[in-house]
Amino acid sequence: MSSITMAYPTAPRAAAASSTSTRPGRLRLTQRGRRVFLTIAALPLVAAILFSALNGGAAAGTLDAGAPLRTYTVGVGESLWAIAELVAPTSDPREVVLELAQLNGLDSYEIGIGQELRIPAKYGY
């Protein structure tokens, strides 16, 4: 009598199993995961843009860094308009008020008692 033996190749399967277990898996992100990752990665860039945009207003107030400036201390009952007429009587007060507001970095045209304003020396004050 003869006997039939069947041989199954076991070596390739063992090699394949050992190679996949030592290789690191590939990171797979869902669509939501990608959005979260990109948002977190973009935060420093957004912060830098906001910082430079918000800081740009202070830099715009000092455009005439080389021009000589004088200071004026606001008294009781004085307004920016009255100060503009005082320091530049021959100029249009609207233009002087705008220039004073920009030069001093004012967000509005309101000023307080004792506040020191920078006045350009070109007005002859």
N, C-alpha and C. Protein backbone atom coordinates (compact mmCIF):
# COMPACT_ATOMS: atom_id res chain seq x y z
N MET A 1 0.79 -1.14 0.00
CA MET A 1 0.00 0.00 0.00
C MET A 1 0.86 1.25 0.00
N SER A 2 0.30 2.18 -0.58
CA SER A 2 1.05 3.44 -0.63
C SER A 2 0.33 4.48 0.22
N SER A 3 1.11 5.36 0.67
CA SER A 3 0.51 6.42 1.48
C SER A 3 0.75 7.77 0.81
N ILE A 4 -0.19 8.64 0.94
CA ILE A 4 -0.09 9.98 0.34
C ILE A 4 0.10 10.97 1.49
N THR A 5 1.10 11.75 1.32
CA THR A 5 1.34 12.78 2.32
C THR A 5 1.19 14.15 1.67
N MET A 6 0.64 15.04 2.40
CA MET A 6 0.47 16.40 1.89
C MET A 6 1.34 17.32 2.72
N ALA A 7 2.07 18.10 2.05
CA ALA A 7 2.94 19.05 2.73
C ALA A 7 2.45 20.46 2.44
N TYR A 8 2.27 21.24 3.47
CA TYR A 8 1.85 22.62 3.34
C TYR A 8 3.03 23.54 3.61
N PRO A 9 3.20 24.53 2.81
CA PRO A 9 4.33 25.45 3.04
C PRO A 9 4.02 26.35 4.26
N THR A 10 4.75 26.17 5.31
CA THR A 10 4.54 26.95 6.52
C THR A 10 5.58 28.05 6.67
N ALA A 11 6.68 27.94 6.06
CA ALA A 11 7.74 28.92 6.23
C ALA A 11 7.36 30.30 5.71
N PRO A 12 6.76 30.45 4.51
CA PRO A 12 6.42 31.78 4.04
C PRO A 12 5.39 32.47 4.95
N ARG A 13 4.44 31.74 5.46
CA ARG A 13 3.45 32.35 6.33
C ARG A 13 4.08 32.84 7.62
N ALA A 14 4.98 32.10 8.14
CA ALA A 14 5.65 32.51 9.37
C ALA A 14 6.49 33.76 9.13
N ALA A 15 7.14 33.81 7.98
CA ALA A 15 7.97 34.97 7.66
C ALA A 15 7.10 36.21 7.46
N ALA A 16 5.95 36.04 6.81
CA ALA A 16 5.07 37.17 6.57
C ALA A 16 4.47 37.67 7.88
N ALA A 17 4.12 36.78 8.75
CA ALA A 17 3.55 37.17 10.03
C ALA A 17 4.56 37.91 10.88
N SER A 18 5.80 37.48 10.83
CA SER A 18 6.81 38.14 11.66
C SER A 18 7.18 39.51 11.10
N SER A 19 7.14 39.68 9.76
CA SER A 19 7.51 40.97 9.19
C SER A 19 6.43 42.02 9.42
N THR A 20 5.17 41.64 9.44
CA THR A 20 4.12 42.64 9.66
C THR A 20 4.01 43.02 11.13
N SER A 21 4.41 42.17 12.01
CA SER A 21 4.29 42.52 13.42
C SER A 21 5.39 43.46 13.87
N THR A 22 6.52 43.50 13.19
CA THR A 22 7.60 44.38 13.58
C THR A 22 7.56 45.73 12.86
N ARG A 23 6.85 45.80 11.74
CA ARG A 23 6.76 47.03 10.98
C ARG A 23 5.71 47.95 11.62
N PRO A 24 6.06 49.24 11.78
CA PRO A 24 5.07 50.15 12.39
C PRO A 24 3.90 50.37 11.44
N GLY A 25 2.71 50.50 12.00
CA GLY A 25 1.52 50.70 11.20
C GLY A 25 1.44 52.12 10.68
N ARG A 26 0.74 52.31 9.62
CA ARG A 26 0.57 53.62 9.02
C ARG A 26 -0.55 54.36 9.74
N LEU A 27 -0.30 55.64 10.03
CA LEU A 27 -1.27 56.44 10.74
C LEU A 27 -2.40 56.82 9.78
N ARG A 28 -3.61 56.50 10.17
CA ARG A 28 -4.76 56.83 9.34
C ARG A 28 -5.67 57.76 10.12
N LEU A 29 -5.95 58.91 9.53
CA LEU A 29 -6.81 59.90 10.17
C LEU A 29 -8.12 60.01 9.42
N THR A 30 -9.17 60.18 10.15
CA THR A 30 -10.46 60.43 9.53
C THR A 30 -10.50 61.87 9.06
N GLN A 31 -11.56 62.21 8.36
CA GLN A 31 -11.71 63.58 7.88
C GLN A 31 -11.75 64.55 9.06
N ARG A 32 -12.46 64.19 10.11
CA ARG A 32 -12.52 65.04 11.31
C ARG A 32 -11.15 65.14 11.97
N GLY A 33 -10.41 64.06 12.02
CA GLY A 33 -9.07 64.07 12.60
C GLY A 33 -8.13 64.98 11.83
N ARG A 34 -8.25 64.97 10.51
CA ARG A 34 -7.41 65.86 9.69
C ARG A 34 -7.73 67.32 9.97
N ARG A 35 -9.01 67.63 10.12
CA ARG A 35 -9.40 69.01 10.41
C ARG A 35 -8.86 69.46 11.76
N VAL A 36 -8.97 68.61 12.75
CA VAL A 36 -8.46 68.95 14.08
C VAL A 36 -6.95 69.13 14.03
N PHE A 37 -6.26 68.24 13.35
CA PHE A 37 -4.80 68.33 13.24
C PHE A 37 -4.38 69.62 12.54
N LEU A 38 -5.04 69.96 11.44
CA LEU A 38 -4.69 71.18 10.71
C LEU A 38 -5.02 72.43 11.53
N THR A 39 -6.10 72.39 12.28
CA THR A 39 -6.45 73.53 13.12
C THR A 39 -5.39 73.75 14.19
N ILE A 40 -4.98 72.70 14.85
CA ILE A 40 -3.96 72.82 15.88
C ILE A 40 -2.62 73.25 15.28
N ALA A 41 -2.30 72.75 14.11
CA ALA A 41 -1.04 73.13 13.47
C ALA A 41 -1.07 74.58 13.01
N ALA A 42 -2.24 75.11 12.66
CA ALA A 42 -2.34 76.47 12.15
C ALA A 42 -2.44 77.52 13.26
N LEU A 43 -2.68 77.13 14.49
CA LEU A 43 -2.84 78.09 15.58
C LEU A 43 -1.64 79.02 15.76
N PRO A 44 -0.39 78.56 15.74
CA PRO A 44 0.73 79.51 15.87
C PRO A 44 0.77 80.53 14.73
N LEU A 45 0.44 80.12 13.54
CA LEU A 45 0.42 81.05 12.41
C LEU A 45 -0.66 82.11 12.58
N VAL A 46 -1.84 81.70 13.01
CA VAL A 46 -2.93 82.63 13.24
C VAL A 46 -2.56 83.60 14.36
N ALA A 47 -1.95 83.10 15.42
CA ALA A 47 -1.54 83.96 16.53
C ALA A 47 -0.51 84.99 16.08
N ALA A 48 0.43 84.59 15.24
CA ALA A 48 1.44 85.52 14.75
C ALA A 48 0.82 86.60 13.87
N ILE A 49 -0.14 86.23 13.05
CA ILE A 49 -0.81 87.20 12.18
C ILE A 49 -1.60 88.20 13.01
N LEU A 50 -2.34 87.70 14.00
CA LEU A 50 -3.11 88.59 14.87
C LEU A 50 -2.20 89.53 15.65
N PHE A 51 -1.09 89.02 16.15
CA PHE A 51 -0.16 89.84 16.91
C PHE A 51 0.39 90.96 16.03
N SER A 52 0.79 90.63 14.82
CA SER A 52 1.35 91.66 13.95
C SER A 52 0.28 92.65 13.50
N ALA A 53 -0.95 92.19 13.29
CA ALA A 53 -2.02 93.10 12.88
C ALA A 53 -2.39 94.05 14.01
N LEU A 54 -2.49 93.53 15.21
CA LEU A 54 -2.85 94.38 16.34
C LEU A 54 -1.72 95.30 16.75
N ASN A 55 -0.50 94.90 16.53
CA ASN A 55 0.64 95.72 16.88
C ASN A 55 0.93 96.77 15.81
N GLY A 56 0.37 96.60 14.63
CA GLY A 56 0.60 97.54 13.54
C GLY A 56 0.03 98.91 13.81
N GLY A 57 -1.05 99.01 14.60
CA GLY A 57 -1.65 100.31 14.91
C GLY A 57 -0.72 101.18 15.73
N ALA A 58 0.02 100.58 16.64
CA ALA A 58 0.97 101.36 17.44
C ALA A 58 2.13 101.85 16.59
N ALA A 59 2.52 101.04 15.62
CA ALA A 59 3.63 101.44 14.75
C ALA A 59 3.19 102.56 13.81
N ALA A 60 1.93 102.58 13.42
CA ALA A 60 1.44 103.63 12.51
C ALA A 60 1.42 104.99 13.20
N GLY A 61 1.31 105.00 14.52
CA GLY A 61 1.29 106.25 15.25
C GLY A 61 2.64 106.92 15.34
N THR A 62 3.69 106.21 15.00
CA THR A 62 5.04 106.77 15.11
C THR A 62 5.72 106.82 13.74
N LEU A 63 4.97 107.18 12.71
CA LEU A 63 5.56 107.23 11.37
C LEU A 63 6.64 108.29 11.25
N ASP A 64 6.46 109.42 11.93
CA ASP A 64 7.45 110.49 11.87
C ASP A 64 8.43 110.36 13.04
N ALA A 65 9.14 109.25 13.09
CA ALA A 65 10.05 108.99 14.21
C ALA A 65 11.20 109.99 14.22
N GLY A 66 11.60 110.50 13.05
CA GLY A 66 12.71 111.43 13.00
C GLY A 66 12.29 112.87 13.21
N ALA A 67 11.00 113.16 13.09
CA ALA A 67 10.53 114.54 13.24
C ALA A 67 10.51 114.92 14.72
N PRO A 68 10.90 116.17 15.04
CA PRO A 68 10.87 116.59 16.45
C PRO A 68 9.44 116.73 16.94
N LEU A 69 9.22 116.31 18.17
CA LEU A 69 7.90 116.37 18.77
C LEU A 69 7.95 117.19 20.05
N ARG A 70 6.84 117.79 20.37
CA ARG A 70 6.68 118.48 21.64
C ARG A 70 5.51 117.83 22.35
N THR A 71 5.44 118.01 23.65
CA THR A 71 4.33 117.44 24.40
C THR A 71 3.41 118.54 24.91
N TYR A 72 2.16 118.19 25.04
CA TYR A 72 1.15 119.11 25.55
C TYR A 72 0.33 118.35 26.58
N THR A 73 0.15 118.91 27.77
CA THR A 73 -0.64 118.29 28.81
C THR A 73 -2.05 118.85 28.75
N VAL A 74 -3.02 117.95 28.67
CA VAL A 74 -4.43 118.34 28.55
C VAL A 74 -4.91 118.92 29.87
N GLY A 75 -5.58 120.07 29.78
CA GLY A 75 -6.13 120.73 30.95
C GLY A 75 -7.62 120.49 31.09
N VAL A 76 -8.22 121.09 32.11
CA VAL A 76 -9.65 120.93 32.38
C VAL A 76 -10.47 121.56 31.26
N GLY A 77 -11.43 120.82 30.74
CA GLY A 77 -12.35 121.34 29.73
C GLY A 77 -11.79 121.41 28.33
N GLU A 78 -10.60 120.94 28.10
CA GLU A 78 -10.01 121.01 26.76
C GLU A 78 -10.42 119.78 25.95
N SER A 79 -10.59 120.02 24.68
CA SER A 79 -10.91 118.93 23.75
C SER A 79 -9.79 118.84 22.71
N LEU A 80 -9.80 117.78 21.98
CA LEU A 80 -8.80 117.60 20.92
C LEU A 80 -8.97 118.69 19.85
N TRP A 81 -10.20 119.09 19.60
CA TRP A 81 -10.48 120.14 18.63
C TRP A 81 -9.89 121.47 19.10
N ALA A 82 -10.07 121.80 20.37
CA ALA A 82 -9.55 123.06 20.91
C ALA A 82 -8.02 123.08 20.89
N ILE A 83 -7.43 121.93 21.20
CA ILE A 83 -5.96 121.84 21.17
C ILE A 83 -5.47 121.98 19.74
N ALA A 84 -6.18 121.41 18.78
CA ALA A 84 -5.80 121.53 17.37
C ALA A 84 -5.85 122.99 16.92
N GLU A 85 -6.87 123.72 17.36
CA GLU A 85 -6.96 125.14 17.00
C GLU A 85 -5.87 125.96 17.69
N LEU A 86 -5.46 125.53 18.89
CA LEU A 86 -4.43 126.25 19.63
C LEU A 86 -3.04 126.05 19.01
N VAL A 87 -2.71 124.81 18.66
CA VAL A 87 -1.35 124.53 18.17
C VAL A 87 -1.19 124.86 16.69
N ALA A 88 -2.27 124.86 15.93
CA ALA A 88 -2.18 125.15 14.49
C ALA A 88 -3.34 126.05 14.08
N PRO A 89 -3.28 127.33 14.42
CA PRO A 89 -4.41 128.22 14.14
C PRO A 89 -4.66 128.46 12.65
N THR A 90 -3.66 128.29 11.81
CA THR A 90 -3.84 128.56 10.38
C THR A 90 -4.20 127.30 9.59
N SER A 91 -4.16 126.14 10.23
CA SER A 91 -4.46 124.88 9.54
C SER A 91 -5.91 124.48 9.78
N ASP A 92 -6.39 123.58 8.94
CA ASP A 92 -7.74 123.04 9.09
C ASP A 92 -7.78 122.16 10.35
N PRO A 93 -8.62 122.47 11.33
CA PRO A 93 -8.63 121.70 12.58
C PRO A 93 -8.96 120.22 12.38
N ARG A 94 -9.76 119.89 11.37
CA ARG A 94 -10.10 118.48 11.12
C ARG A 94 -8.85 117.67 10.79
N GLU A 95 -7.99 118.23 9.97
CA GLU A 95 -6.76 117.53 9.60
C GLU A 95 -5.81 117.42 10.79
N VAL A 96 -5.74 118.47 11.59
CA VAL A 96 -4.85 118.47 12.76
C VAL A 96 -5.34 117.47 13.79
N VAL A 97 -6.66 117.43 14.03
CA VAL A 97 -7.23 116.47 14.98
C VAL A 97 -6.93 115.05 14.53
N LEU A 98 -7.10 114.77 13.25
CA LEU A 98 -6.82 113.44 12.72
C LEU A 98 -5.34 113.08 12.90
N GLU A 99 -4.46 114.02 12.60
CA GLU A 99 -3.02 113.77 12.75
C GLU A 99 -2.64 113.55 14.21
N LEU A 100 -3.21 114.35 15.12
CA LEU A 100 -2.91 114.18 16.54
C LEU A 100 -3.40 112.83 17.05
N ALA A 101 -4.58 112.43 16.61
CA ALA A 101 -5.13 111.13 17.03
C ALA A 101 -4.25 109.99 16.53
N GLN A 102 -3.80 110.05 15.29
CA GLN A 102 -2.94 109.01 14.74
C GLN A 102 -1.57 109.00 15.42
N LEU A 103 -1.01 110.17 15.64
CA LEU A 103 0.32 110.28 16.23
C LEU A 103 0.34 109.76 17.65
N ASN A 104 -0.74 109.98 18.39
CA ASN A 104 -0.79 109.56 19.79
C ASN A 104 -1.46 108.21 19.98
N GLY A 105 -1.84 107.55 18.89
CA GLY A 105 -2.43 106.22 18.98
C GLY A 105 -3.78 106.19 19.68
N LEU A 106 -4.59 107.21 19.45
CA LEU A 106 -5.91 107.29 20.09
C LEU A 106 -6.93 106.47 19.29
N ASP A 107 -7.71 105.67 20.01
CA ASP A 107 -8.77 104.90 19.36
C ASP A 107 -10.01 105.76 19.09
N SER A 108 -10.21 106.77 19.93
CA SER A 108 -11.32 107.69 19.75
C SER A 108 -10.77 109.11 19.94
N TYR A 109 -11.64 110.08 19.80
CA TYR A 109 -11.20 111.47 19.93
C TYR A 109 -11.38 111.99 21.35
N GLU A 110 -11.60 111.11 22.30
CA GLU A 110 -11.75 111.51 23.69
C GLU A 110 -10.38 111.53 24.37
N ILE A 111 -10.14 112.58 25.13
CA ILE A 111 -8.89 112.72 25.87
C ILE A 111 -9.22 113.05 27.31
N GLY A 112 -8.28 112.79 28.21
CA GLY A 112 -8.52 113.02 29.63
C GLY A 112 -7.62 114.11 30.20
N ILE A 113 -8.03 114.63 31.32
CA ILE A 113 -7.26 115.67 32.01
C ILE A 113 -5.92 115.08 32.44
N GLY A 114 -4.85 115.79 32.18
CA GLY A 114 -3.51 115.34 32.55
C GLY A 114 -2.84 114.44 31.53
N GLN A 115 -3.56 114.08 30.50
CA GLN A 115 -2.99 113.24 29.44
C GLN A 115 -1.98 114.05 28.64
N GLU A 116 -0.84 113.44 28.35
CA GLU A 116 0.17 114.14 27.55
C GLU A 116 0.04 113.72 26.09
N LEU A 117 -0.07 114.71 25.25
CA LEU A 117 -0.18 114.48 23.81
C LEU A 117 1.10 114.91 23.12
N ARG A 118 1.51 114.14 22.14
CA ARG A 118 2.66 114.53 21.33
C ARG A 118 2.17 115.42 20.20
N ILE A 119 2.83 116.55 20.04
CA ILE A 119 2.46 117.54 19.02
C ILE A 119 3.66 117.70 18.08
N PRO A 120 3.46 117.59 16.76
CA PRO A 120 4.57 117.80 15.83
C PRO A 120 5.06 119.24 15.92
N ALA A 121 6.37 119.40 15.84
CA ALA A 121 6.98 120.73 15.96
C ALA A 121 6.67 121.60 14.74
N LYS A 122 6.19 121.00 13.64
CA LYS A 122 5.89 121.79 12.44
C LYS A 122 4.75 122.77 12.66
N TYR A 123 3.96 122.56 13.70
CA TYR A 123 2.86 123.46 13.98
C TYR A 123 3.30 124.70 14.74
N GLY A 124 4.53 124.74 15.20
CA GLY A 124 5.06 125.93 15.84
C GLY A 124 4.52 126.19 17.23
N TYR A 125 3.97 125.20 17.85
CA TYR A 125 3.45 125.37 19.21
C TYR A 125 4.56 125.57 20.19
